[in-house]
């Protein structure tokens, strides 16, 4: 939904069609080529994305700046011409809110599956690291034309253009300022270049998001939880079906959305509070287990929901210091409660994990209560495979949890070394011994 809404809005402004129709068309295109192309569609659209964004957005900036209705953006940054200065300032009372949102948007983008999809598909760890750092630098470079286009929109006398009055801010269309600038301040051929930039950026992210969601469902939920012995062909068909289902769900959310920034912000919000602490514990905190992960998830989710959300018109249940009502009488939190929820989730994961570990290992709780096989079973269901069973020589049989096969080999072939038997049969020394 975060990805389909912006391209739908852009197409609707430039081609002058209904925004809902353009969202549906863009969603169908992204879903169909992801269904057919799979990971190849992700790779190829990434290449097209880089070229189109760099060329399309940077080309449109000079044309928009040179339009007669546009005032010098340096002047409008500090002086009120057509509206308040676009440079703006941060109210001292809102500093903690800005810091909270800054950390959220910075760290909330780390655990995104679309990012890990690209990292894990890299040919080497070094290449993955170089790709990550270059991507961070590339994001900064690509952000400049977007900032300039926003400044141009705030520096334009819209009554001197075909857009007319009132201005986009008054009509509450400021979130679509990019397609509006491309449509009314640039020549037609430049507008289509800019549309290509937005389309490439959105499509590249849309296919990777749909593909990653469907692959995680097929592998982590369908296969591991319901069909452990499912064939590769069956998993592929499950992925194809879920690609279509997730694409349809995202389209429905995009049709109900009212703001691109709101969707993106809310999705980063949930990832930051729920998934980011889990990622830290998995990578850096040895000893955390499933019980701690569940506790951290619940604590973080409860604190986030009780803090309220103006975008969803959700009133808070916990009123932190400094909260105030907005124009819709929805209370806005100035306290950095999102970071508080993230830290609560993080420490809850650690505390509950080590508490469960102590209670089970000390005998305070009987082993049968470890229903998730997270503490008592040394070789649990999700970690055990045949390679571990063959190579480990210190396994106590009564400690083993039920094992689901992960390879296509059968148990008989795992424990039978046919080459060794052939070697024994053909050994001349053994034959002489038997003859004697």
Protein backbone atom coordinates (compact mmCIF):
# COMPACT_ATOMS: atom_id res chain seq x y z
CA UNK A 1 0.00 0.00 0.00
CA UNK A 2 2.91 2.36 0.79
CA UNK A 3 4.21 1.79 -2.73
CA UNK A 4 1.08 1.60 -4.85
CA UNK A 5 -0.48 4.83 -3.60
CA UNK A 6 2.31 7.23 -4.75
CA UNK A 7 2.52 5.87 -8.29
CA UNK A 8 -1.27 5.86 -8.53
CA UNK A 9 -1.41 9.48 -7.39
CA UNK A 10 1.35 10.45 -9.83
CA UNK A 11 -0.32 8.78 -12.80
CA UNK A 12 -3.70 10.28 -11.90
CA UNK A 13 -2.27 13.81 -11.83
CA UNK A 14 -0.22 13.61 -15.03
CA UNK A 15 -2.57 11.52 -17.19
CA UNK A 16 -5.71 12.97 -15.55
CA UNK A 17 -7.49 9.75 -14.59
CA UNK A 18 -9.14 8.66 -11.37
CA UNK A 19 -6.62 7.90 -8.66
CA UNK A 20 -8.32 4.62 -7.72
CA UNK A 21 -8.10 3.36 -11.30
CA UNK A 22 -4.43 4.29 -11.54
CA UNK A 23 -3.67 2.53 -8.24
CA UNK A 24 -5.38 -0.65 -9.45
CA UNK A 25 -3.55 -0.55 -12.81
CA UNK A 26 -0.14 -0.03 -11.20
CA UNK A 27 -0.82 -2.80 -8.67
CA UNK A 28 -1.83 -5.24 -11.40
CA UNK A 29 1.31 -4.51 -13.39
CA UNK A 30 3.60 -4.95 -10.38
CA UNK A 31 1.84 -8.12 -9.23
CA UNK A 32 1.84 -9.76 -12.66
CA UNK A 33 5.49 -9.23 -13.51
CA UNK A 34 6.51 -10.28 -9.99
CA UNK A 35 4.41 -13.43 -10.43
CA UNK A 36 6.11 -14.21 -13.72
CA UNK A 37 9.64 -12.93 -13.15
CA UNK A 38 10.28 -13.67 -9.47
CA UNK A 39 13.72 -12.60 -8.29
CA UNK A 40 14.73 -11.63 -11.84
CA UNK A 41 12.03 -8.94 -11.83
CA UNK A 42 13.57 -7.50 -8.65
CA UNK A 43 17.06 -7.43 -10.13
CA UNK A 44 16.10 -5.85 -13.45
CA UNK A 45 13.79 -3.21 -11.98
CA UNK A 46 16.56 -2.20 -9.56
CA UNK A 47 18.80 -1.38 -12.51
CA UNK A 48 16.03 0.54 -14.28
CA UNK A 49 15.19 2.33 -11.03
CA UNK A 50 18.66 3.81 -10.56
CA UNK A 51 18.81 5.09 -14.12
CA UNK A 52 15.29 6.54 -14.17
CA UNK A 53 15.45 8.24 -10.78
CA UNK A 54 18.79 9.90 -11.43
CA UNK A 55 17.85 11.02 -14.92
CA UNK A 56 14.14 11.77 -14.44
CA UNK A 57 14.23 13.79 -11.22
CA UNK A 58 17.42 15.73 -11.90
CA UNK A 59 16.27 16.69 -15.40
CA UNK A 60 12.94 18.01 -14.13
CA UNK A 61 14.49 20.33 -11.50
CA UNK A 62 16.03 22.94 -13.91
CA UNK A 63 12.85 23.13 -15.98
CA UNK A 64 10.68 23.63 -12.90
CA UNK A 65 13.02 26.29 -11.46
CA UNK A 66 13.05 28.25 -14.71
CA UNK A 67 9.25 28.52 -14.90
CA UNK A 68 8.08 32.19 -14.81
CA UNK A 69 5.72 31.55 -11.89
CA UNK A 70 8.53 30.27 -9.63
CA UNK A 71 10.32 32.66 -7.26
CA UNK A 72 13.91 32.16 -6.13
CA UNK A 73 13.82 29.29 -3.60
CA UNK A 74 16.61 30.96 -1.61
CA UNK A 75 14.36 33.94 -1.00
CA UNK A 76 11.25 31.91 -0.12
CA UNK A 77 13.28 29.79 2.30
CA UNK A 78 13.55 32.70 4.77
CA UNK A 79 10.84 35.15 3.68
CA UNK A 80 7.09 34.77 3.31
CA UNK A 81 6.14 35.31 -0.34
CA UNK A 82 3.24 33.05 -1.31
CA UNK A 83 3.17 31.12 1.95
CA UNK A 84 5.24 30.73 5.11
CA UNK A 85 9.00 30.17 4.57
CA UNK A 86 9.53 26.57 3.48
CA UNK A 87 12.72 26.17 5.51
CA UNK A 88 10.74 26.21 8.76
CA UNK A 89 11.96 25.70 12.31
CA UNK A 90 11.48 23.23 15.16
CA UNK A 91 9.52 24.33 18.19
CA UNK A 92 11.45 23.75 21.39
CA UNK A 93 8.47 21.80 22.79
CA UNK A 94 8.61 19.41 19.83
CA UNK A 95 12.33 18.56 20.01
CA UNK A 96 11.75 15.19 21.66
CA UNK A 97 9.04 14.35 19.14
CA UNK A 98 11.40 15.10 16.27
CA UNK A 99 14.16 13.05 17.85
CA UNK A 100 11.75 10.17 18.40
CA UNK A 101 10.63 10.26 14.77
CA UNK A 102 14.19 10.70 13.50
CA UNK A 103 15.38 7.58 15.32
CA UNK A 104 12.25 5.74 14.20
CA UNK A 105 12.76 6.50 10.51
CA UNK A 106 16.50 5.76 10.76
CA UNK A 107 16.39 2.44 12.61
CA UNK A 108 12.94 1.38 11.45
CA UNK A 109 14.19 0.84 7.92
CA UNK A 110 16.93 -1.62 8.92
CA UNK A 111 14.86 -4.79 9.48
CA UNK A 112 12.90 -4.43 6.21
CA UNK A 113 12.72 -7.73 4.35
CA UNK A 114 13.28 -5.99 1.01
CA UNK A 115 16.72 -4.86 2.21
CA UNK A 116 17.72 -8.31 3.47
CA UNK A 117 16.51 -9.80 0.22
CA UNK A 118 19.12 -7.79 -1.65
CA UNK A 119 21.85 -8.42 0.92
CA UNK A 120 21.32 -12.18 1.04
CA UNK A 121 21.29 -12.40 -2.75
CA UNK A 122 24.73 -10.76 -2.98
CA UNK A 123 27.60 -12.89 -4.26
CA UNK A 124 29.76 -12.28 -1.18
CA UNK A 125 29.71 -10.64 2.25
CA UNK A 126 32.10 -7.94 1.05
CA UNK A 127 29.85 -7.11 -1.87
CA UNK A 128 26.84 -6.93 0.47
CA UNK A 129 28.67 -4.47 2.74
CA UNK A 130 29.79 -2.29 -0.17
CA UNK A 131 26.25 -2.36 -1.56
CA UNK A 132 24.81 -1.21 1.76
CA UNK A 133 27.17 1.74 2.15
CA UNK A 134 26.75 2.81 -1.46
CA UNK A 135 22.99 2.61 -1.06
CA UNK A 136 23.15 4.90 1.99
CA UNK A 137 25.17 7.45 0.01
CA UNK A 138 22.84 7.06 -2.98
CA UNK A 139 19.79 7.79 -0.82
CA UNK A 140 21.30 11.12 0.18
CA UNK A 141 22.07 12.01 -3.43
CA UNK A 142 18.58 11.06 -4.60
CA UNK A 143 16.98 13.06 -1.77
CA UNK A 144 18.26 16.40 -3.09
CA UNK A 145 15.96 16.67 -6.14
CA UNK A 146 12.96 15.73 -3.98
CA UNK A 147 13.81 18.52 -1.53
CA UNK A 148 14.29 21.00 -4.37
CA UNK A 149 10.96 20.07 -5.96
CA UNK A 150 9.23 20.58 -2.61
CA UNK A 151 10.88 23.99 -2.27
CA UNK A 152 9.80 24.87 -5.83
CA UNK A 153 6.21 23.97 -4.98
CA UNK A 154 6.32 26.34 -1.99
CA UNK A 155 7.83 29.11 -4.14
CA UNK A 156 5.29 29.06 -6.98
CA UNK A 157 2.49 31.53 -7.70
CA UNK A 158 -0.03 28.85 -8.64
CA UNK A 159 -2.54 31.42 -9.87
CA UNK A 160 -0.13 32.07 -12.77
CA UNK A 161 -0.23 28.41 -13.85
CA UNK A 162 -2.92 26.12 -15.23
CA UNK A 163 -3.30 24.66 -11.75
CA UNK A 164 -5.03 27.87 -10.64
CA UNK A 165 -6.21 28.68 -7.14
CA UNK A 166 -6.24 27.75 -4.37
CA UNK A 167 -2.68 26.46 -4.01
CA UNK A 168 -1.90 22.78 -3.25
CA UNK A 169 -1.40 23.51 0.45
CA UNK A 170 -4.88 25.00 0.77
CA UNK A 171 -6.44 22.16 -1.24
CA UNK A 172 -4.60 19.65 1.00
CA UNK A 173 -2.71 18.21 -1.97
CA UNK A 174 0.75 18.98 -0.63
CA UNK A 175 1.55 15.25 -0.45
CA UNK A 176 1.23 15.15 -4.27
CA UNK A 177 3.50 18.13 -4.92
CA UNK A 178 5.92 16.07 -7.02
CA UNK A 179 3.44 15.09 -9.75
CA UNK A 180 1.84 18.55 -9.56
CA UNK A 181 5.20 20.24 -10.22
CA UNK A 182 5.95 17.80 -13.04
CA UNK A 183 2.55 18.41 -14.61
CA UNK A 184 2.25 22.21 -14.38
CA UNK A 185 5.80 23.55 -14.25
CA UNK A 186 7.61 21.25 -16.72
CA UNK A 187 7.19 20.50 -20.44
CA UNK A 188 5.19 17.41 -21.36
CA UNK A 189 8.19 15.26 -22.30
CA UNK A 190 9.91 16.15 -19.02
CA UNK A 191 6.76 15.22 -17.11
CA UNK A 192 6.91 11.73 -18.56
CA UNK A 193 10.59 11.44 -17.61
CA UNK A 194 9.65 12.31 -14.04
CA UNK A 195 6.78 9.83 -14.14
CA UNK A 196 9.27 7.19 -15.22
CA UNK A 197 11.43 8.02 -12.20
CA UNK A 198 8.55 7.62 -9.76
CA UNK A 199 7.29 4.50 -11.52
CA UNK A 200 10.69 2.82 -11.50
CA UNK A 201 11.28 3.62 -7.83
CA UNK A 202 7.87 2.35 -6.77
CA UNK A 203 7.84 -0.74 -8.98
CA UNK A 204 11.31 -1.78 -7.84
CA UNK A 205 10.27 -1.64 -4.22
CA UNK A 206 6.80 -3.08 -4.85
CA UNK A 207 8.00 -6.28 -6.50
CA UNK A 208 10.65 -6.90 -3.84
CA UNK A 209 8.15 -6.33 -1.02
CA UNK A 210 5.51 -8.63 -2.53
CA UNK A 211 8.07 -11.31 -3.34
CA UNK A 212 9.68 -11.20 0.12
CA UNK A 213 6.30 -11.37 1.88
CA UNK A 214 5.16 -14.34 -0.20
CA UNK A 215 8.46 -16.20 0.17
CA UNK A 216 8.45 -15.73 3.95
CA UNK A 217 4.88 -16.99 4.16
CA UNK A 218 5.60 -20.02 1.98
CA UNK A 219 8.80 -20.98 3.78
CA UNK A 220 8.38 -19.88 7.40
CA UNK A 221 4.65 -20.43 7.87
CA UNK A 222 3.31 -22.85 5.27
CA UNK A 223 6.24 -25.26 5.08
CA UNK A 224 7.61 -25.15 8.63
CA UNK A 225 4.25 -25.04 10.40
CA UNK A 226 1.87 -27.02 8.19
CA UNK A 227 3.65 -28.94 5.43
CA UNK A 228 7.17 -29.90 6.51
CA UNK A 229 7.52 -32.41 3.67
CA UNK A 230 6.20 -30.11 0.95
CA UNK A 231 8.01 -30.38 -2.36
CA UNK A 232 9.76 -27.46 -4.06
CA UNK A 233 7.06 -27.38 -6.72
CA UNK A 234 4.35 -27.06 -4.08
CA UNK A 235 6.22 -24.22 -2.33
CA UNK A 236 6.60 -22.38 -5.63
CA UNK A 237 2.84 -22.58 -6.27
CA UNK A 238 2.11 -21.36 -2.75
CA UNK A 239 4.41 -18.40 -3.41
CA UNK A 240 2.61 -17.62 -6.66
CA UNK A 241 -0.78 -17.66 -4.99
CA UNK A 242 0.39 -15.48 -2.09
CA UNK A 243 2.00 -13.00 -4.49
CA UNK A 244 -1.45 -12.40 -5.93
CA UNK A 245 -3.12 -12.28 -2.50
CA UNK A 246 -0.58 -9.87 -1.00
CA UNK A 247 -0.77 -7.68 -4.09
CA UNK A 248 -4.56 -7.52 -3.76
CA UNK A 249 -4.32 -6.71 -0.04
CA UNK A 250 -1.81 -3.92 -0.68
CA UNK A 251 -4.07 -2.51 -3.40
CA UNK A 252 -7.03 -2.41 -1.02
CA UNK A 253 -4.94 -0.59 1.61
CA UNK A 254 -3.69 1.89 -0.99
CA UNK A 255 -7.26 2.67 -2.07
CA UNK A 256 -8.20 3.44 1.53
CA UNK A 257 -5.07 5.53 2.23
CA UNK A 258 -5.09 9.29 2.51
CA UNK A 259 -1.37 10.01 2.72
CA UNK A 260 1.78 8.43 1.28
CA UNK A 261 3.90 9.74 4.12
CA UNK A 262 1.40 8.45 6.67
CA UNK A 263 1.56 4.92 5.26
CA UNK A 264 5.35 4.90 5.10
CA UNK A 265 5.69 6.43 8.53
CA UNK A 266 3.25 3.98 10.11
CA UNK A 267 4.94 0.94 8.55
CA UNK A 268 8.37 2.11 9.76
CA UNK A 269 6.78 2.73 13.16
CA UNK A 270 5.66 -0.88 13.52
CA UNK A 271 8.95 -2.29 12.24
CA UNK A 272 10.94 -0.08 14.61
CA UNK A 273 8.97 -1.05 17.72
CA UNK A 274 8.22 -4.71 17.04
CA UNK A 275 10.92 -6.14 14.74
CA UNK A 276 14.01 -4.02 15.41
CA UNK A 277 14.40 -5.14 19.09
CA UNK A 278 14.00 -8.76 17.99
CA UNK A 279 16.75 -8.31 15.41
CA UNK A 280 19.11 -6.83 18.00
CA UNK A 281 18.50 -9.74 20.37
CA UNK A 282 18.99 -12.37 17.69
CA UNK A 283 22.26 -10.88 16.46
CA UNK A 284 23.91 -9.57 19.61
CA UNK A 285 22.29 -10.99 22.76
CA UNK A 286 23.24 -14.61 23.30
CA UNK A 287 20.67 -16.58 25.27
CA UNK A 288 17.46 -14.93 24.17
CA UNK A 289 14.75 -17.40 23.23
CA UNK A 290 11.20 -17.69 21.93
CA UNK A 291 9.56 -16.85 25.26
CA UNK A 292 11.43 -13.57 25.47
CA UNK A 293 10.62 -12.75 21.84
CA UNK A 294 6.89 -13.23 22.45
CA UNK A 295 6.99 -11.15 25.62
CA UNK A 296 8.93 -8.35 23.91
CA UNK A 297 6.51 -8.38 20.98
CA UNK A 298 3.46 -8.09 23.26
CA UNK A 299 4.91 -5.38 25.52
CA UNK A 300 6.05 -3.28 22.56
CA UNK A 301 2.75 -3.65 20.73
CA UNK A 302 0.66 -2.77 23.79
CA UNK A 303 2.71 0.34 24.58
CA UNK A 304 2.54 1.46 20.95
CA UNK A 305 -1.23 1.04 20.65
CA UNK A 306 -1.95 2.70 23.99
CA UNK A 307 0.09 5.71 22.84
CA UNK A 308 -2.50 6.50 20.16
CA UNK A 309 -2.10 7.29 16.45
CA UNK A 310 -3.51 10.48 14.85
CA UNK A 311 -3.18 9.01 11.34
CA UNK A 312 -5.65 6.27 12.31
CA UNK A 313 -7.71 8.63 14.51
CA UNK A 314 -6.80 6.44 17.49
CA UNK A 315 -7.04 8.17 20.86
CA UNK A 316 -4.27 7.30 23.35
CA UNK A 317 -5.02 5.30 26.47
CA UNK A 318 -1.82 6.50 28.15
CA UNK A 319 -1.38 10.28 28.23
CA UNK A 320 2.33 10.99 28.45
CA UNK A 321 3.65 14.38 29.66
CA UNK A 322 3.17 17.19 27.15
CA UNK A 323 0.35 15.68 25.08
CA UNK A 324 -2.12 18.07 23.44
CA UNK A 325 -5.22 17.77 21.17
CA UNK A 326 -5.01 18.56 17.44
CA UNK A 327 -7.71 20.01 15.18
CA UNK A 328 -9.54 16.66 15.17
CA UNK A 329 -9.39 16.50 18.99
CA UNK A 330 -6.94 13.57 18.77
CA UNK A 331 -4.22 13.87 21.39
CA UNK A 332 -0.66 14.21 20.09
CA UNK A 333 2.18 12.85 22.21
CA UNK A 334 5.27 15.02 22.68
CA UNK A 335 6.95 12.40 24.85
CA UNK A 336 9.16 9.95 22.83
CA UNK A 337 6.87 7.03 23.66
CA UNK A 338 7.78 5.10 20.49
CA UNK A 339 11.41 4.80 21.51
CA UNK A 340 10.18 3.92 25.01
CA UNK A 341 8.07 1.12 23.52
CA UNK A 342 11.05 -0.13 21.49
CA UNK A 343 13.36 -0.17 24.53
CA UNK A 344 10.66 -1.87 26.61
CA UNK A 345 10.33 -4.56 23.97
CA UNK A 346 14.11 -5.00 23.84
CA UNK A 347 14.66 -5.35 27.59
CA UNK A 348 11.53 -7.46 28.04
CA UNK A 349 12.93 -9.91 25.52
CA UNK A 350 16.20 -10.20 27.46
CA UNK A 351 14.64 -10.40 30.94
CA UNK A 352 11.97 -12.96 30.07
CA UNK A 353 14.44 -15.05 28.06
CA UNK A 354 16.94 -15.37 30.90
CA UNK A 355 14.16 -15.85 33.45
CA UNK A 356 12.73 -18.74 31.44
CA UNK A 357 16.21 -20.18 31.00
CA UNK A 358 16.86 -20.06 34.73
CA UNK A 359 13.47 -21.52 35.71
CA UNK A 360 13.76 -24.49 33.36
CA UNK A 361 17.45 -25.25 33.87
CA UNK A 362 17.23 -24.98 37.66
CA UNK A 363 14.30 -27.41 37.76
CA UNK A 364 11.85 -24.86 39.15
CA UNK A 365 9.61 -25.55 36.15
CA UNK A 366 9.24 -29.10 34.80
CA UNK A 367 10.59 -29.74 31.26
CA UNK A 368 7.11 -30.61 29.96
CA UNK A 369 6.10 -26.95 30.33
CA UNK A 370 8.71 -25.96 27.74
CA UNK A 371 6.11 -26.39 25.01
CA UNK A 372 8.08 -24.22 22.56
CA UNK A 373 11.25 -26.36 22.91
CA UNK A 374 13.20 -23.16 23.49
CA UNK A 375 15.18 -24.03 26.66
CA UNK A 376 15.08 -27.66 27.77
CA UNK A 377 15.51 -29.30 24.37
CA UNK A 378 19.15 -28.75 23.47
CA UNK A 379 18.46 -29.53 19.82
CA UNK A 380 15.09 -28.00 19.10
CA UNK A 381 12.78 -28.48 16.16
CA UNK A 382 13.90 -25.39 14.23
CA UNK A 383 17.66 -25.98 14.61
CA UNK A 384 18.03 -29.74 14.32
CA UNK A 385 18.89 -31.45 11.05
CA UNK A 386 20.55 -34.66 9.90
CA UNK A 387 23.99 -33.09 9.61
CA UNK A 388 23.92 -32.18 13.30
CA UNK A 389 22.71 -35.66 14.22
CA UNK A 390 25.55 -37.35 12.31
CA UNK A 391 28.41 -35.06 13.39
CA UNK A 392 27.54 -34.70 17.09
CA UNK A 393 28.88 -37.45 19.34
CA UNK A 394 27.63 -36.12 22.67
CA UNK A 395 23.89 -36.19 22.18
CA UNK A 396 21.76 -37.73 24.90
CA UNK A 397 18.79 -39.39 23.25
CA UNK A 398 16.24 -38.33 25.86
CA UNK A 399 17.16 -34.68 25.23
CA UNK A 400 16.19 -34.79 21.59
CA UNK A 401 13.09 -32.95 20.47
CA UNK A 402 11.05 -34.23 17.51
CA UNK A 403 12.95 -33.44 14.32
CA UNK A 404 11.39 -32.42 11.04
CA UNK A 405 13.55 -33.38 8.01
CA UNK A 406 15.02 -30.40 6.18
CA UNK A 407 16.74 -32.23 3.34
CA UNK A 408 15.49 -34.47 0.60
CA UNK A 409 17.59 -37.37 1.88
CA UNK A 410 15.93 -40.28 3.64
CA UNK A 411 17.07 -41.42 7.06
CA UNK A 412 18.39 -44.69 5.68
CA UNK A 413 20.65 -42.89 3.20
CA UNK A 414 21.86 -40.55 5.94
CA UNK A 415 23.20 -43.32 8.13
CA UNK A 416 24.46 -45.56 5.31
CA UNK A 417 27.88 -44.89 3.83
CA UNK A 418 27.63 -46.91 0.61
CA UNK A 419 31.14 -45.96 -0.49
CA UNK A 420 32.54 -47.39 2.71
CA UNK A 421 30.74 -50.70 2.13
CA UNK A 422 31.99 -50.85 -1.44
CA UNK A 423 35.49 -50.16 -0.22
CA UNK A 424 35.25 -52.98 2.32
CA UNK A 425 33.97 -55.44 -0.28
CA UNK A 426 36.83 -54.63 -2.64
CA UNK A 427 39.62 -54.51 -0.05
CA UNK A 428 42.27 -57.19 -0.86
CA UNK A 429 43.51 -57.32 2.73
CA UNK A 430 40.05 -58.10 4.02
CA UNK A 431 39.59 -60.75 1.34
CA UNK A 432 42.88 -62.45 2.32
CA UNK A 433 41.88 -62.39 5.96
CA UNK A 434 38.60 -64.04 5.18
CA UNK A 435 40.33 -66.68 3.06
CA UNK A 436 42.66 -67.50 5.91
